[in-house]
Protein backbone atom coordinates (compact mmCIF):
# COMPACT_ATOMS: atom_id res chain seq x y z
CA MET A 1 88.71 106.69 88.00
CA LYS A 2 90.19 103.60 88.70
CA ARG A 3 90.88 103.01 85.07
CA CYS A 4 92.60 106.55 84.56
CA LEU A 5 94.89 106.44 87.46
CA PHE A 6 95.83 102.68 85.64
CA ALA A 7 96.28 104.57 82.54
CA PHE A 8 98.54 107.01 83.71
CA ALA A 9 100.96 104.43 85.69
CA LEU A 10 101.10 102.79 82.38
CA LEU A 11 102.08 105.70 80.62
CA SER A 12 104.32 107.09 82.89
CA MET A 13 106.39 104.15 82.82
CA ILE A 14 106.28 103.68 79.18
CA CYS A 15 107.49 107.59 78.72
CA PHE A 16 110.32 106.68 81.39
CA LEU A 17 111.98 103.50 79.74
CA LEU A 18 111.97 105.34 76.55
CA LEU A 19 112.89 108.82 77.75
CA PHE A 20 115.31 108.13 80.46
CA PRO A 21 116.78 104.96 79.68
CA GLN A 22 120.13 104.87 82.07
CA GLU A 23 117.38 106.12 84.98
CA ALA A 24 115.03 103.26 84.23
CA LEU A 25 117.70 100.86 84.27
CA THR A 26 118.66 102.14 87.53
CA PHE A 27 115.56 101.56 89.33
CA ALA A 28 115.03 98.29 87.74
CA ARG A 29 118.13 97.04 88.63
CA GLY A 30 117.47 98.51 92.12
CA GLY A 31 114.51 96.35 92.41
CA LEU A 32 115.83 93.19 91.12
CA LEU A 33 118.58 93.27 93.35
CA LEU A 34 116.24 94.11 96.40
CA TRP A 35 114.27 90.82 95.02
CA TYR A 36 117.60 88.29 94.92
CA GLN A 37 119.47 89.77 97.58
CA ASN A 38 116.31 89.76 100.20
CA LEU A 39 113.52 87.94 99.21
CA VAL A 40 114.59 84.74 97.17
CA PRO A 41 117.45 83.84 99.89
CA VAL A 42 114.73 84.42 102.85
CA LEU A 43 111.07 83.63 101.33
CA PHE A 44 111.52 81.07 98.69
CA PRO A 45 113.30 78.80 101.17
CA PHE A 46 110.30 78.99 103.79
CA MET A 47 107.83 79.03 100.60
CA ILE A 48 108.81 75.61 100.10
CA LEU A 49 108.78 74.30 103.55
CA SER A 50 105.66 76.18 104.53
CA ASN A 51 103.64 74.26 101.73
CA LEU A 52 105.13 70.73 102.78
CA MET A 53 104.08 71.60 106.47
CA ILE A 54 100.76 72.38 105.23
CA ARG A 55 100.09 69.56 102.81
CA THR A 56 101.71 66.89 105.31
CA ASP A 57 100.01 68.10 108.10
CA ALA A 58 103.20 68.70 110.31
CA ILE A 59 101.56 71.49 111.97
CA SER A 60 99.68 70.05 114.50
CA VAL A 61 102.51 68.27 115.53
CA LEU A 62 105.40 71.27 115.72
CA LEU A 63 102.84 73.40 117.35
CA LYS A 64 101.08 71.23 119.62
CA TRP A 65 102.57 73.02 122.79
CA ILE A 66 102.53 76.65 121.76
CA HIS A 67 99.42 76.47 120.24
CA PRO A 68 97.56 76.61 123.88
CA LEU A 69 98.94 79.88 124.21
CA PHE A 70 98.05 81.43 120.96
CA ARG A 71 94.38 79.96 121.67
CA LEU A 72 94.29 81.71 124.70
CA ILE A 73 95.40 85.33 123.62
CA TRP A 74 93.77 85.48 119.90
CA GLY A 75 91.25 82.11 119.98
CA THR A 76 92.56 80.40 117.10
CA SER A 77 92.84 76.89 115.79
CA VAL A 78 96.39 75.48 115.85
CA TYR A 79 96.44 76.42 111.89
CA GLY A 80 95.72 80.09 112.67
CA SER A 81 98.57 79.93 115.22
CA TYR A 82 100.98 78.74 112.67
CA ALA A 83 99.70 81.56 110.45
CA ILE A 84 100.38 84.19 113.48
CA LEU A 85 103.91 82.63 113.38
CA ALA A 86 104.86 83.23 110.00
CA GLY A 87 103.43 86.44 109.21
CA PHE A 88 105.41 88.13 112.55
CA LEU A 89 108.84 86.27 111.33
CA PHE A 90 108.98 85.98 107.78
CA GLY A 91 107.30 89.21 106.34
CA TYR A 92 105.01 90.11 103.51
CA PRO A 93 103.39 88.29 101.80
CA MET A 94 103.91 85.34 103.62
CA GLY A 95 100.99 86.06 106.37
CA ALA A 96 98.60 86.31 103.83
CA LYS A 97 100.02 83.35 101.72
CA VAL A 98 100.05 80.88 104.69
CA VAL A 99 96.21 82.11 105.83
CA SER A 100 95.70 81.70 101.94
CA ASP A 101 97.16 77.90 101.51
CA LEU A 102 95.63 76.75 104.86
CA LYS A 103 92.05 78.34 103.92
CA LYS A 104 92.31 76.17 100.45
CA GLN A 105 93.41 72.95 102.50
CA GLY A 106 89.99 73.10 104.67
CA ALA A 107 92.31 74.09 107.81
CA LEU A 108 90.99 77.84 108.53
CA THR A 109 87.28 78.47 108.22
CA GLU A 110 86.25 81.63 106.29
CA LEU A 111 85.92 83.54 109.87
CA GLU A 112 89.20 82.85 110.68
CA ALA A 113 90.68 83.27 107.91
CA GLU A 114 89.30 86.72 107.68
CA TYR A 115 90.13 87.52 111.20
CA LEU A 116 94.01 86.41 110.94
CA ILE A 117 94.62 88.53 107.74
CA CYS A 118 93.81 92.05 109.22
CA PHE A 119 97.03 91.60 111.27
CA VAL A 120 99.40 88.72 110.34
CA ASN A 121 100.71 90.61 107.40
CA ASN A 122 103.84 92.68 108.51
CA LEU A 123 107.40 93.53 107.85
CA SER A 124 109.86 90.43 108.66
CA PRO A 125 112.29 91.23 111.85
CA ALA A 126 115.34 90.66 109.78
CA PHE A 127 114.13 93.21 107.32
CA LEU A 128 113.34 95.85 109.97
CA ILE A 129 116.86 95.47 112.11
CA THR A 130 119.16 95.16 109.20
CA PHE A 131 117.49 97.32 106.30
CA LEU A 132 115.72 100.13 108.55
CA VAL A 133 117.34 100.52 111.62
CA HIS A 134 121.24 99.79 110.83
CA GLN A 135 121.02 100.71 106.84
CA CYS A 136 118.98 103.79 106.79
CA LEU A 137 118.74 104.86 110.01
CA GLY A 138 122.47 103.91 111.41
CA ASN A 139 121.29 103.61 114.88
CA PRO A 140 120.89 99.95 116.38
CA LYS A 141 119.73 101.82 119.82
CA LEU A 142 116.28 102.33 117.51
CA THR A 143 115.80 98.57 117.21
CA ALA A 144 113.97 97.98 120.45
CA PRO A 145 111.51 100.63 120.37
CA THR A 146 110.98 100.11 116.27
CA LEU A 147 110.03 96.60 116.91
CA GLY A 148 108.02 97.28 119.61
CA ILE A 149 105.96 99.80 117.75
CA LEU A 150 105.54 98.00 114.75
CA TYR A 151 104.73 94.47 116.09
CA GLY A 152 102.67 96.18 119.05
CA ALA A 153 100.78 97.82 116.94
CA PRO A 154 99.18 95.25 114.82
CA LEU A 155 98.65 92.57 118.27
CA VAL A 156 96.86 95.65 119.77
CA THR A 157 94.41 95.68 116.04
CA SER A 158 94.07 91.80 116.79
CA MET A 159 92.95 92.47 120.15
CA LEU A 160 90.25 95.42 119.17
CA LEU A 161 89.24 92.91 116.33
CA ALA A 162 89.26 89.83 118.72
CA PRO A 163 85.84 90.17 120.26
CA GLY A 164 84.25 90.85 117.43
CA TYR A 165 84.75 87.81 115.55
CA ARG A 166 84.62 85.82 118.78
CA SER A 167 81.07 87.02 119.07
CA LYS A 168 80.05 85.62 115.55
CA THR A 169 80.85 82.10 116.05
CA GLY A 170 82.98 81.57 118.75
CA LEU A 171 86.49 81.05 117.75
CA ILE A 172 87.52 80.37 121.36
CA ARG A 173 86.48 76.56 120.89
CA GLU A 174 88.89 74.33 119.05
CA GLN A 175 88.07 73.95 115.05
CA LYS A 176 87.30 70.39 114.09
CA ASN A 177 88.73 71.53 110.66
CA LYS A 178 92.21 69.12 109.79
CA ALA A 179 94.34 69.87 106.57
CA PRO A 180 94.26 66.79 105.07
CA LYS A 181 97.55 64.63 105.35
CA VAL A 182 99.46 63.99 102.44
CA PRO A 183 102.20 61.26 102.00
CA VAL A 184 105.87 62.51 101.35
CA THR A 185 106.74 61.75 97.89
CA THR A 186 108.83 63.21 95.24
CA GLU A 187 106.09 64.35 93.33
CA LEU A 188 104.50 66.71 96.59
CA LEU A 189 108.48 68.22 96.61
CA ASP A 190 108.34 69.12 93.14
CA ALA A 191 104.79 70.44 93.40
CA CYS A 192 106.15 72.58 96.35
CA ILE A 193 108.97 74.05 94.52
CA PHE A 194 107.02 74.35 91.48
CA ASP A 195 104.33 76.58 93.61
CA GLY A 196 107.20 78.57 95.43
CA ILE A 197 109.12 79.45 92.04
CA GLN A 198 105.79 80.74 90.75
CA ASN A 199 105.02 82.96 93.56
CA ILE A 200 108.36 84.13 94.42
CA THR A 201 108.36 85.22 90.41
CA ARG A 202 105.48 86.69 90.65
CA LEU A 203 106.60 89.21 93.68
CA GLY A 204 109.76 89.74 91.61
CA ALA A 205 107.82 90.97 88.78
CA TYR A 206 105.69 93.47 91.06
CA ILE A 207 108.56 95.14 92.54
CA LEU A 208 110.35 95.97 89.40
CA LEU A 209 107.07 97.50 87.86
CA PHE A 210 106.78 99.62 90.96
CA SER A 211 110.50 100.21 91.11
CA LEU A 212 109.93 101.50 87.77
CA LEU A 213 106.65 103.77 88.83
CA THR A 214 108.49 105.15 91.80
CA GLY A 215 111.39 106.34 89.56
CA ALA A 216 109.02 108.10 87.00
CA LEU A 217 107.49 110.00 89.77
CA GLY A 218 110.50 110.88 91.06
CA LEU A 219 111.02 112.93 87.99
CA LEU A 220 107.92 115.19 88.63
CA PRO A 221 108.69 118.79 89.98
CA MET A 222 107.77 118.15 93.84
CA LYS A 223 109.72 120.25 96.16
CA ASN A 224 107.82 118.97 99.64
CA PRO A 225 110.12 116.38 101.21
CA LEU A 226 107.17 114.94 103.36
CA ILE A 227 105.04 114.74 100.29
CA GLN A 228 107.79 113.17 98.54
CA CYS A 229 108.42 110.75 101.60
CA LEU A 230 104.68 109.97 101.79
CA LEU A 231 104.13 109.57 98.12
CA TYR A 232 107.21 107.06 97.46
CA GLY A 233 106.47 104.94 100.72
CA SER A 234 102.77 104.51 99.67
CA LEU A 235 104.40 102.73 96.13
CA GLU A 236 107.31 100.76 97.18
CA ILE A 237 108.05 100.32 100.78
CA THR A 238 111.86 99.71 100.28
CA THR A 239 112.25 102.71 98.16
CA GLY A 240 110.22 105.14 100.44
CA ILE A 241 112.10 104.00 103.62
CA ARG A 242 115.62 104.57 101.83
CA TYR A 243 114.21 108.06 100.61
CA THR A 244 112.75 109.16 103.95
CA ALA A 245 115.86 107.90 105.96
CA GLY A 246 118.13 110.28 103.60
CA ALA A 247 115.22 113.51 103.28
CA ALA A 248 115.22 116.77 104.72
CA LEU A 249 112.92 116.26 107.74
CA ASP A 250 113.29 117.02 111.49
CA PRO A 251 114.43 113.45 113.35
CA LEU A 252 111.03 113.16 114.70
CA THR A 253 108.66 113.60 111.60
CA LYS A 254 111.20 111.47 109.58
CA TYR A 255 110.51 108.68 112.25
CA LEU A 256 107.12 109.31 112.56
CA CYS A 257 106.63 108.87 108.88
CA LEU A 258 108.83 105.17 108.85
CA MET A 259 106.61 104.42 111.17
CA VAL A 260 103.48 105.09 109.41
CA LEU A 261 104.74 103.78 106.10
CA CYS A 262 106.07 100.22 107.89
CA SER A 263 102.79 99.64 109.39
CA PHE A 264 100.83 100.07 106.20
CA GLY A 265 103.24 98.57 104.02
CA GLY A 266 102.40 100.52 100.30
CA ILE A 267 100.18 99.71 97.52
CA CYS A 268 103.17 96.94 96.08
CA ALA A 269 102.63 94.75 98.92
CA LEU A 270 99.08 95.14 98.84
CA MET A 271 99.14 94.25 95.23
CA GLN A 272 102.08 91.31 96.36
CA THR A 273 99.41 90.35 98.99
CA LEU A 274 96.42 89.74 96.72
CA SER A 275 98.45 87.85 94.35
CA VAL A 276 98.84 85.09 97.06
CA CYS A 277 95.85 86.05 98.70
CA PRO A 278 92.46 86.86 96.96
CA MET A 279 90.05 88.96 98.89
CA ASN A 280 86.56 89.85 97.75
CA ARG A 281 85.55 93.52 98.52
CA GLN A 282 84.40 93.28 101.98
CA THR A 283 87.33 91.48 102.97
CA LEU A 284 89.78 93.98 101.18
CA ARG A 285 87.66 96.62 103.05
CA ARG A 286 88.40 95.06 106.49
CA TYR A 287 92.25 94.49 105.77
CA LEU A 288 92.77 98.01 104.38
CA GLY A 289 90.75 99.51 107.49
CA ALA A 290 93.13 97.09 109.74
CA LYS A 291 96.08 98.04 108.53
CA THR A 292 95.25 102.01 108.52
CA LEU A 293 94.08 101.10 112.35
CA SER A 294 97.85 99.43 112.76
CA ALA A 295 99.54 102.84 111.28
CA ALA A 296 97.25 105.11 113.41
CA LEU A 297 98.36 103.52 116.30
CA SER A 298 102.11 103.03 115.11
CA VAL A 299 102.11 107.14 115.40
CA LEU A 300 100.17 106.81 118.77
CA MET A 301 102.52 104.48 120.47
CA THR A 302 105.64 106.52 118.52
CA LEU A 303 104.69 109.56 120.19
CA LEU A 304 103.96 107.66 124.03
CA ALA A 305 107.45 106.29 123.26
CA LEU A 306 109.01 109.71 123.00
CA TYR A 307 106.98 111.70 125.70
CA SER A 308 107.78 108.75 128.57
CA SER A 309 111.93 108.83 127.23
CA ALA A 310 111.52 112.92 127.44
CA SER A 311 110.24 112.69 130.91
C-alpha cells in the first residue's frame, strides 16, 4: 500500500511537470520563495547558533535561572528545558532537531528525548502572527486566541503525558548527563555552518517536492472545499493555510480547519522532522498520537473560546 501511494505521488509530480509546466513553475517558485523568504532568514542562523550552544555547553550557563521553573513544570533537565524553548519559539522542525542534537551529544536520555519530541515541535509565533493571522485571516484581533489555542494544545498534551514518563524513571530528578564541552575554534564554527547548510537545503527540497505534489493534486476534480482544505493542509501546511483562508467555508468551519492543520503540521512537516530527527516505529507512533491529541485539543479549545465569547 505504501509503495502504491509513493508511486502514485511520483507519477503525479512527473505528469504535472510534463503536462502543466507553467502551473508547475508557479508552485515550485512558491515553494522556493517560502523557503528563501521564511525558513532561511529565521532557521539557518538559529541552526548555527544552536549547534554552537550545544557543542560548547553554553546551555547550562544561559538557562541556569529559568531551568528550575521548567523542571518544576515538566521535570526536564536543563538541556530538555532548552529544547522546549527552541520548539515553541523557532518552529518546525527546530524542536525536533534540538532534541536529536542533544541526544547525540549524550545530554538527553532516550526517555526524555521521547517525551520532549511529543510536544516541542510546533509552528513558530512569527509564522502564526505574520502569515496566518495577518496575511491569510486579515484579522489581528485573532492573534491572542490563535496563539493561546495552538500553544495551549501541546502544553496540555505535555501535561497529560508527563505522569507516564515520570513514573518510568523519575524525570524530575536532575540528570547527570552533560553535553561535552568543545573549545570554540574556527573548525567548530565551520562544522556548525556546514551542518546548518546541509539541513536548511534538505528542508528546501522537501518544501519544493510537496509544493509540486500539492499542485498536481489540485488538478483533480474535487468540488468539496472542506475536503480540499484538509487534503492540501495535510500535505503542506503553508499551502493548506493559504487555500483554507480563501475557501468558500463559513468562518467557524474555516477557523476550526486552520487550528487542526496548524496543530498537526502536515506530511511535509513530518518528513522534515524525520530528516533531522530519525525515529523508530514506536517513537513515531507516539509522536503522531501526540500530534493527533493536540489537534483534537485545539478543536475543543476553539469551541470553548467561541462559547465563552458568545455567552
